[in-house]
Amino acid sequence: MKYDRIFLIDDEPIINSIQTLYLQQFFPENSIDKYDKATHALEKLLDLDESTKRVLIFVDLNMPVLSGQQLLDKLYEGQVNYEIEAYVITFSQDPDEVEKISKHPYVKKVIRKPINDQKLVELGF
């Protein structure tokens, strides 16, 4: 699978750093755009140029200011000109919350935090 950009969006800096290490092992040809504020990631995602065709996003579900659900909704409403494949990462135990985000058009799967090599292999990366 080829991605033009890979984004990791999680408000917890330590988890973000750990997850980045795993992602770099699986995607050595890509740099990982890492954000701890979803609002900053959204600005960047909405500002990608037309050469961007495919974006992979790992996003935390529950974040302050702008949740993972809200970020994905805003991207969907913004009618971006590239393909988005999103994986939602969460500690949430709320089945209704997980079911709701699972139905989002961009979401491929909801996975338990943190991302690790075993989970990435199970996802087919």
N, C-alpha and C. Protein backbone atom coordinates (compact mmCIF):
# COMPACT_ATOMS: atom_id res chain seq x y z
N MET A 1 0.83 -1.19 0.00
CA MET A 1 0.00 0.00 0.00
C MET A 1 0.87 1.25 0.00
N LYS A 2 0.52 2.16 -0.81
CA LYS A 2 1.28 3.40 -0.93
C LYS A 2 0.43 4.56 -0.43
N TYR A 3 1.00 5.33 0.45
CA TYR A 3 0.33 6.52 0.97
C TYR A 3 1.21 7.73 0.70
N ASP A 4 0.58 8.82 0.30
CA ASP A 4 1.32 10.05 0.10
C ASP A 4 1.68 10.71 1.43
N ARG A 5 0.77 10.59 2.39
CA ARG A 5 0.99 11.16 3.72
C ARG A 5 0.42 10.23 4.77
N ILE A 6 1.05 10.22 5.95
CA ILE A 6 0.55 9.47 7.10
C ILE A 6 0.48 10.42 8.28
N PHE A 7 -0.69 10.47 8.90
CA PHE A 7 -0.92 11.33 10.05
C PHE A 7 -1.21 10.49 11.28
N LEU A 8 -0.61 10.88 12.39
CA LEU A 8 -0.89 10.30 13.71
C LEU A 8 -1.35 11.46 14.59
N ILE A 9 -2.58 11.36 15.07
CA ILE A 9 -3.18 12.45 15.84
C ILE A 9 -3.64 11.89 17.18
N ASP A 10 -2.95 12.28 18.23
CA ASP A 10 -3.25 11.80 19.58
C ASP A 10 -2.80 12.85 20.57
N ASP A 11 -3.65 13.20 21.53
CA ASP A 11 -3.33 14.28 22.47
C ASP A 11 -2.40 13.86 23.60
N GLU A 12 -2.04 12.58 23.67
CA GLU A 12 -1.14 12.11 24.72
C GLU A 12 0.28 11.96 24.16
N PRO A 13 1.18 12.89 24.51
CA PRO A 13 2.53 12.92 23.91
C PRO A 13 3.31 11.61 24.03
N ILE A 14 3.25 10.95 25.17
CA ILE A 14 4.02 9.72 25.35
C ILE A 14 3.49 8.62 24.44
N ILE A 15 2.18 8.46 24.40
CA ILE A 15 1.58 7.45 23.52
C ILE A 15 1.86 7.80 22.06
N ASN A 16 1.79 9.08 21.75
CA ASN A 16 2.07 9.53 20.39
C ASN A 16 3.49 9.14 19.98
N SER A 17 4.44 9.33 20.86
CA SER A 17 5.85 8.99 20.57
C SER A 17 6.03 7.49 20.37
N ILE A 18 5.42 6.69 21.24
CA ILE A 18 5.53 5.23 21.13
C ILE A 18 4.91 4.74 19.82
N GLN A 19 3.72 5.25 19.52
CA GLN A 19 3.03 4.83 18.31
C GLN A 19 3.80 5.25 17.06
N THR A 20 4.45 6.39 17.10
CA THR A 20 5.25 6.85 15.97
C THR A 20 6.37 5.85 15.67
N LEU A 21 7.02 5.33 16.70
CA LEU A 21 8.10 4.36 16.50
C LEU A 21 7.60 3.12 15.77
N TYR A 22 6.45 2.63 16.15
CA TYR A 22 5.88 1.45 15.46
C TYR A 22 5.52 1.78 14.02
N LEU A 23 4.90 2.93 13.81
CA LEU A 23 4.50 3.30 12.45
C LEU A 23 5.72 3.47 11.54
N GLN A 24 6.81 4.02 12.07
CA GLN A 24 8.01 4.21 11.27
C GLN A 24 8.61 2.88 10.83
N GLN A 25 8.46 1.85 11.65
CA GLN A 25 8.95 0.51 11.27
C GLN A 25 8.15 -0.05 10.09
N PHE A 26 6.86 0.22 10.06
CA PHE A 26 5.99 -0.34 9.02
C PHE A 26 5.94 0.53 7.77
N PHE A 27 6.26 1.79 7.92
CA PHE A 27 6.22 2.73 6.79
C PHE A 27 7.53 3.52 6.72
N PRO A 28 8.66 2.82 6.49
CA PRO A 28 9.95 3.51 6.50
C PRO A 28 10.10 4.54 5.39
N GLU A 29 9.33 4.39 4.31
CA GLU A 29 9.43 5.33 3.18
C GLU A 29 8.66 6.62 3.42
N ASN A 30 7.84 6.66 4.48
CA ASN A 30 7.04 7.85 4.78
C ASN A 30 7.54 8.52 6.06
N SER A 31 7.43 9.83 6.08
CA SER A 31 7.58 10.51 7.36
C SER A 31 6.19 10.54 7.99
N ILE A 32 6.14 10.50 9.29
CA ILE A 32 4.87 10.49 10.01
C ILE A 32 4.58 11.91 10.48
N ASP A 33 3.47 12.46 10.02
CA ASP A 33 3.03 13.78 10.50
C ASP A 33 2.33 13.54 11.83
N LYS A 34 2.95 14.00 12.91
CA LYS A 34 2.48 13.72 14.26
C LYS A 34 1.91 15.00 14.87
N TYR A 35 0.68 14.90 15.38
CA TYR A 35 0.01 16.04 15.99
C TYR A 35 -0.58 15.66 17.33
N ASP A 36 -0.45 16.56 18.31
CA ASP A 36 -1.10 16.34 19.60
C ASP A 36 -2.35 17.22 19.76
N LYS A 37 -2.63 18.03 18.75
CA LYS A 37 -3.84 18.84 18.72
C LYS A 37 -4.55 18.58 17.39
N ALA A 38 -5.77 18.08 17.49
CA ALA A 38 -6.53 17.73 16.29
C ALA A 38 -6.81 18.96 15.43
N THR A 39 -6.94 20.13 16.05
CA THR A 39 -7.21 21.34 15.27
C THR A 39 -6.05 21.64 14.34
N HIS A 40 -4.81 21.44 14.79
CA HIS A 40 -3.64 21.68 13.94
C HIS A 40 -3.58 20.65 12.81
N ALA A 41 -3.90 19.41 13.13
CA ALA A 41 -3.90 18.36 12.10
C ALA A 41 -4.97 18.66 11.05
N LEU A 42 -6.13 19.10 11.49
CA LEU A 42 -7.21 19.41 10.56
C LEU A 42 -6.80 20.52 9.60
N GLU A 43 -6.17 21.56 10.13
CA GLU A 43 -5.69 22.66 9.26
C GLU A 43 -4.77 22.12 8.18
N LYS A 44 -3.83 21.27 8.57
CA LYS A 44 -2.88 20.70 7.62
C LYS A 44 -3.58 19.79 6.61
N LEU A 45 -4.49 18.96 7.09
CA LEU A 45 -5.21 18.04 6.21
C LEU A 45 -6.07 18.78 5.18
N LEU A 46 -6.65 19.90 5.58
CA LEU A 46 -7.47 20.67 4.65
C LEU A 46 -6.63 21.50 3.68
N ASP A 47 -5.34 21.61 3.98
CA ASP A 47 -4.44 22.44 3.16
C ASP A 47 -3.49 21.62 2.28
N LEU A 48 -3.70 20.31 2.20
CA LEU A 48 -2.82 19.49 1.36
C LEU A 48 -3.03 19.84 -0.11
N ASP A 49 -1.94 19.83 -0.88
CA ASP A 49 -2.06 20.21 -2.29
C ASP A 49 -2.61 19.07 -3.13
N GLU A 50 -2.88 19.39 -4.39
CA GLU A 50 -3.54 18.45 -5.28
C GLU A 50 -2.67 17.25 -5.66
N SER A 51 -1.38 17.28 -5.35
CA SER A 51 -0.54 16.12 -5.63
C SER A 51 -0.80 14.98 -4.64
N THR A 52 -1.46 15.28 -3.54
CA THR A 52 -1.79 14.27 -2.54
C THR A 52 -2.98 13.45 -3.02
N LYS A 53 -2.80 12.14 -3.13
CA LYS A 53 -3.86 11.25 -3.62
C LYS A 53 -4.40 10.32 -2.54
N ARG A 54 -3.53 9.93 -1.60
CA ARG A 54 -3.94 8.93 -0.60
C ARG A 54 -3.32 9.25 0.75
N VAL A 55 -4.18 9.34 1.79
CA VAL A 55 -3.72 9.70 3.13
C VAL A 55 -4.18 8.64 4.12
N LEU A 56 -3.26 8.23 4.97
CA LEU A 56 -3.54 7.28 6.05
C LEU A 56 -3.56 8.07 7.35
N ILE A 57 -4.64 7.91 8.11
CA ILE A 57 -4.78 8.65 9.37
C ILE A 57 -5.03 7.67 10.51
N PHE A 58 -4.24 7.83 11.58
CA PHE A 58 -4.48 7.17 12.85
C PHE A 58 -4.88 8.29 13.80
N VAL A 59 -6.10 8.21 14.33
CA VAL A 59 -6.60 9.32 15.13
C VAL A 59 -7.23 8.80 16.42
N ASP A 60 -6.89 9.47 17.51
CA ASP A 60 -7.49 9.19 18.81
C ASP A 60 -8.95 9.60 18.77
N LEU A 61 -9.80 8.81 19.38
CA LEU A 61 -11.23 9.12 19.39
C LEU A 61 -11.55 10.28 20.32
N ASN A 62 -11.04 10.23 21.55
CA ASN A 62 -11.39 11.24 22.56
C ASN A 62 -10.23 12.18 22.81
N MET A 63 -10.39 13.40 22.32
CA MET A 63 -9.39 14.45 22.52
C MET A 63 -10.12 15.74 22.89
N PRO A 64 -9.42 16.62 23.61
CA PRO A 64 -10.05 17.90 23.94
C PRO A 64 -10.18 18.80 22.70
N VAL A 65 -11.07 19.72 22.73
CA VAL A 65 -11.35 20.71 21.70
C VAL A 65 -11.99 20.09 20.46
N LEU A 66 -11.29 19.17 19.80
CA LEU A 66 -11.79 18.54 18.59
C LEU A 66 -11.54 17.03 18.69
N SER A 67 -12.61 16.25 18.77
CA SER A 67 -12.47 14.79 18.90
C SER A 67 -12.11 14.17 17.55
N GLY A 68 -11.74 12.91 17.59
CA GLY A 68 -11.47 12.19 16.35
C GLY A 68 -12.70 12.14 15.45
N GLN A 69 -13.87 11.95 16.05
CA GLN A 69 -15.13 11.95 15.28
C GLN A 69 -15.34 13.30 14.60
N GLN A 70 -15.13 14.38 15.35
CA GLN A 70 -15.33 15.72 14.78
C GLN A 70 -14.32 16.00 13.67
N LEU A 71 -13.08 15.59 13.86
CA LEU A 71 -12.07 15.80 12.84
C LEU A 71 -12.46 15.09 11.54
N LEU A 72 -12.85 13.83 11.64
CA LEU A 72 -13.24 13.07 10.45
C LEU A 72 -14.49 13.66 9.81
N ASP A 73 -15.43 14.11 10.63
CA ASP A 73 -16.65 14.75 10.09
C ASP A 73 -16.30 16.01 9.32
N LYS A 74 -15.40 16.82 9.85
CA LYS A 74 -15.00 18.06 9.17
C LYS A 74 -14.27 17.76 7.86
N LEU A 75 -13.46 16.72 7.83
CA LEU A 75 -12.80 16.33 6.58
C LEU A 75 -13.84 15.87 5.56
N TYR A 76 -14.82 15.13 6.02
CA TYR A 76 -15.87 14.64 5.13
C TYR A 76 -16.68 15.81 4.56
N GLU A 77 -17.02 16.75 5.43
CA GLU A 77 -17.78 17.93 5.01
C GLU A 77 -16.96 18.81 4.08
N GLY A 78 -15.63 18.83 4.28
CA GLY A 78 -14.74 19.65 3.47
C GLY A 78 -14.52 19.11 2.07
N GLN A 79 -15.02 17.93 1.81
CA GLN A 79 -14.91 17.31 0.50
C GLN A 79 -13.48 17.38 -0.05
N VAL A 80 -12.57 16.76 0.69
CA VAL A 80 -11.17 16.76 0.28
C VAL A 80 -11.02 16.00 -1.04
N ASN A 81 -9.96 16.30 -1.75
CA ASN A 81 -9.73 15.72 -3.08
C ASN A 81 -8.75 14.55 -3.05
N TYR A 82 -8.68 13.86 -1.93
CA TYR A 82 -7.80 12.70 -1.83
C TYR A 82 -8.52 11.61 -1.06
N GLU A 83 -8.04 10.39 -1.22
CA GLU A 83 -8.61 9.23 -0.53
C GLU A 83 -8.10 9.20 0.91
N ILE A 84 -9.00 8.95 1.84
CA ILE A 84 -8.63 8.86 3.26
C ILE A 84 -8.94 7.46 3.76
N GLU A 85 -7.95 6.87 4.40
CA GLU A 85 -8.11 5.60 5.11
C GLU A 85 -7.80 5.90 6.57
N ALA A 86 -8.81 5.78 7.44
CA ALA A 86 -8.62 6.17 8.85
C ALA A 86 -8.79 4.97 9.78
N TYR A 87 -7.92 4.95 10.78
CA TYR A 87 -8.01 3.98 11.86
C TYR A 87 -8.13 4.78 13.14
N VAL A 88 -9.17 4.49 13.91
CA VAL A 88 -9.41 5.21 15.15
C VAL A 88 -8.79 4.42 16.28
N ILE A 89 -8.00 5.10 17.10
CA ILE A 89 -7.35 4.47 18.24
C ILE A 89 -8.00 5.02 19.51
N THR A 90 -8.28 4.12 20.47
CA THR A 90 -9.01 4.57 21.65
C THR A 90 -8.81 3.65 22.84
N PHE A 91 -9.04 4.22 24.02
CA PHE A 91 -9.13 3.46 25.26
C PHE A 91 -10.61 3.26 25.63
N SER A 92 -11.50 3.84 24.85
CA SER A 92 -12.93 3.86 25.19
C SER A 92 -13.49 2.46 25.40
N GLN A 93 -14.30 2.33 26.44
CA GLN A 93 -15.01 1.09 26.73
C GLN A 93 -16.50 1.21 26.38
N ASP A 94 -16.88 2.37 25.82
CA ASP A 94 -18.28 2.64 25.50
C ASP A 94 -18.63 2.03 24.14
N PRO A 95 -19.42 0.95 24.13
CA PRO A 95 -19.74 0.27 22.87
C PRO A 95 -20.52 1.16 21.89
N ASP A 96 -21.36 2.04 22.40
CA ASP A 96 -22.12 2.94 21.52
C ASP A 96 -21.20 3.92 20.81
N GLU A 97 -20.23 4.44 21.54
CA GLU A 97 -19.26 5.38 20.98
C GLU A 97 -18.43 4.70 19.89
N VAL A 98 -17.97 3.50 20.18
CA VAL A 98 -17.15 2.74 19.23
C VAL A 98 -17.98 2.37 18.00
N GLU A 99 -19.22 1.95 18.21
CA GLU A 99 -20.08 1.59 17.08
C GLU A 99 -20.34 2.81 16.19
N LYS A 100 -20.59 3.96 16.80
CA LYS A 100 -20.88 5.17 16.02
C LYS A 100 -19.70 5.55 15.12
N ILE A 101 -18.49 5.58 15.67
CA ILE A 101 -17.33 5.98 14.87
C ILE A 101 -17.00 4.90 13.83
N SER A 102 -17.30 3.65 14.13
CA SER A 102 -17.03 2.56 13.18
C SER A 102 -17.80 2.73 11.88
N LYS A 103 -18.92 3.43 11.94
CA LYS A 103 -19.77 3.61 10.76
C LYS A 103 -19.38 4.81 9.91
N HIS A 104 -18.38 5.57 10.35
CA HIS A 104 -17.95 6.74 9.57
C HIS A 104 -17.37 6.26 8.23
N PRO A 105 -17.67 6.97 7.14
CA PRO A 105 -17.20 6.52 5.81
C PRO A 105 -15.69 6.37 5.67
N TYR A 106 -14.90 7.12 6.43
CA TYR A 106 -13.45 7.03 6.31
C TYR A 106 -12.83 5.94 7.20
N VAL A 107 -13.57 5.47 8.20
CA VAL A 107 -12.99 4.57 9.20
C VAL A 107 -12.98 3.13 8.71
N LYS A 108 -11.77 2.56 8.70
CA LYS A 108 -11.59 1.16 8.33
C LYS A 108 -11.75 0.25 9.54
N LYS A 109 -11.28 0.73 10.70
CA LYS A 109 -11.34 -0.09 11.91
C LYS A 109 -11.06 0.78 13.14
N VAL A 110 -11.65 0.38 14.25
CA VAL A 110 -11.36 0.99 15.55
C VAL A 110 -10.46 0.01 16.28
N ILE A 111 -9.33 0.51 16.79
CA ILE A 111 -8.38 -0.36 17.49
C ILE A 111 -8.08 0.19 18.87
N ARG A 112 -7.74 -0.71 19.77
CA ARG A 112 -7.41 -0.34 21.15
C ARG A 112 -6.02 0.28 21.19
N LYS A 113 -5.88 1.33 21.99
CA LYS A 113 -4.58 1.94 22.20
C LYS A 113 -3.71 0.99 23.01
N PRO A 114 -2.42 1.10 22.83
CA PRO A 114 -1.68 1.83 21.81
C PRO A 114 -1.48 0.96 20.57
N ILE A 115 -1.10 1.61 19.49
CA ILE A 115 -0.70 0.90 18.28
C ILE A 115 0.59 0.15 18.59
N ASN A 116 0.69 -1.08 18.13
CA ASN A 116 1.96 -1.81 18.26
C ASN A 116 2.15 -2.66 17.01
N ASP A 117 3.27 -3.36 16.93
CA ASP A 117 3.56 -4.12 15.71
C ASP A 117 2.54 -5.23 15.47
N GLN A 118 2.10 -5.91 16.50
CA GLN A 118 1.12 -6.98 16.34
C GLN A 118 -0.18 -6.45 15.75
N LYS A 119 -0.65 -5.30 16.24
CA LYS A 119 -1.89 -4.72 15.72
C LYS A 119 -1.73 -4.27 14.28
N LEU A 120 -0.59 -3.73 13.93
CA LEU A 120 -0.35 -3.30 12.55
C LEU A 120 -0.31 -4.49 11.59
N VAL A 121 0.26 -5.60 12.04
CA VAL A 121 0.28 -6.81 11.23
C VAL A 121 -1.15 -7.33 11.05
N GLU A 122 -1.94 -7.33 12.12
CA GLU A 122 -3.33 -7.78 12.05
C GLU A 122 -4.15 -6.91 11.10
N LEU A 123 -3.80 -5.64 10.97
CA LEU A 123 -4.49 -4.73 10.07
C LEU A 123 -4.05 -4.92 8.62
N GLY A 124 -3.00 -5.70 8.41
CA GLY A 124 -2.55 -6.00 7.06
C GLY A 124 -1.46 -5.09 6.54
N PHE A 125 -0.78 -4.39 7.42
CA PHE A 125 0.29 -3.49 6.98
C PHE A 125 1.62 -4.19 6.88
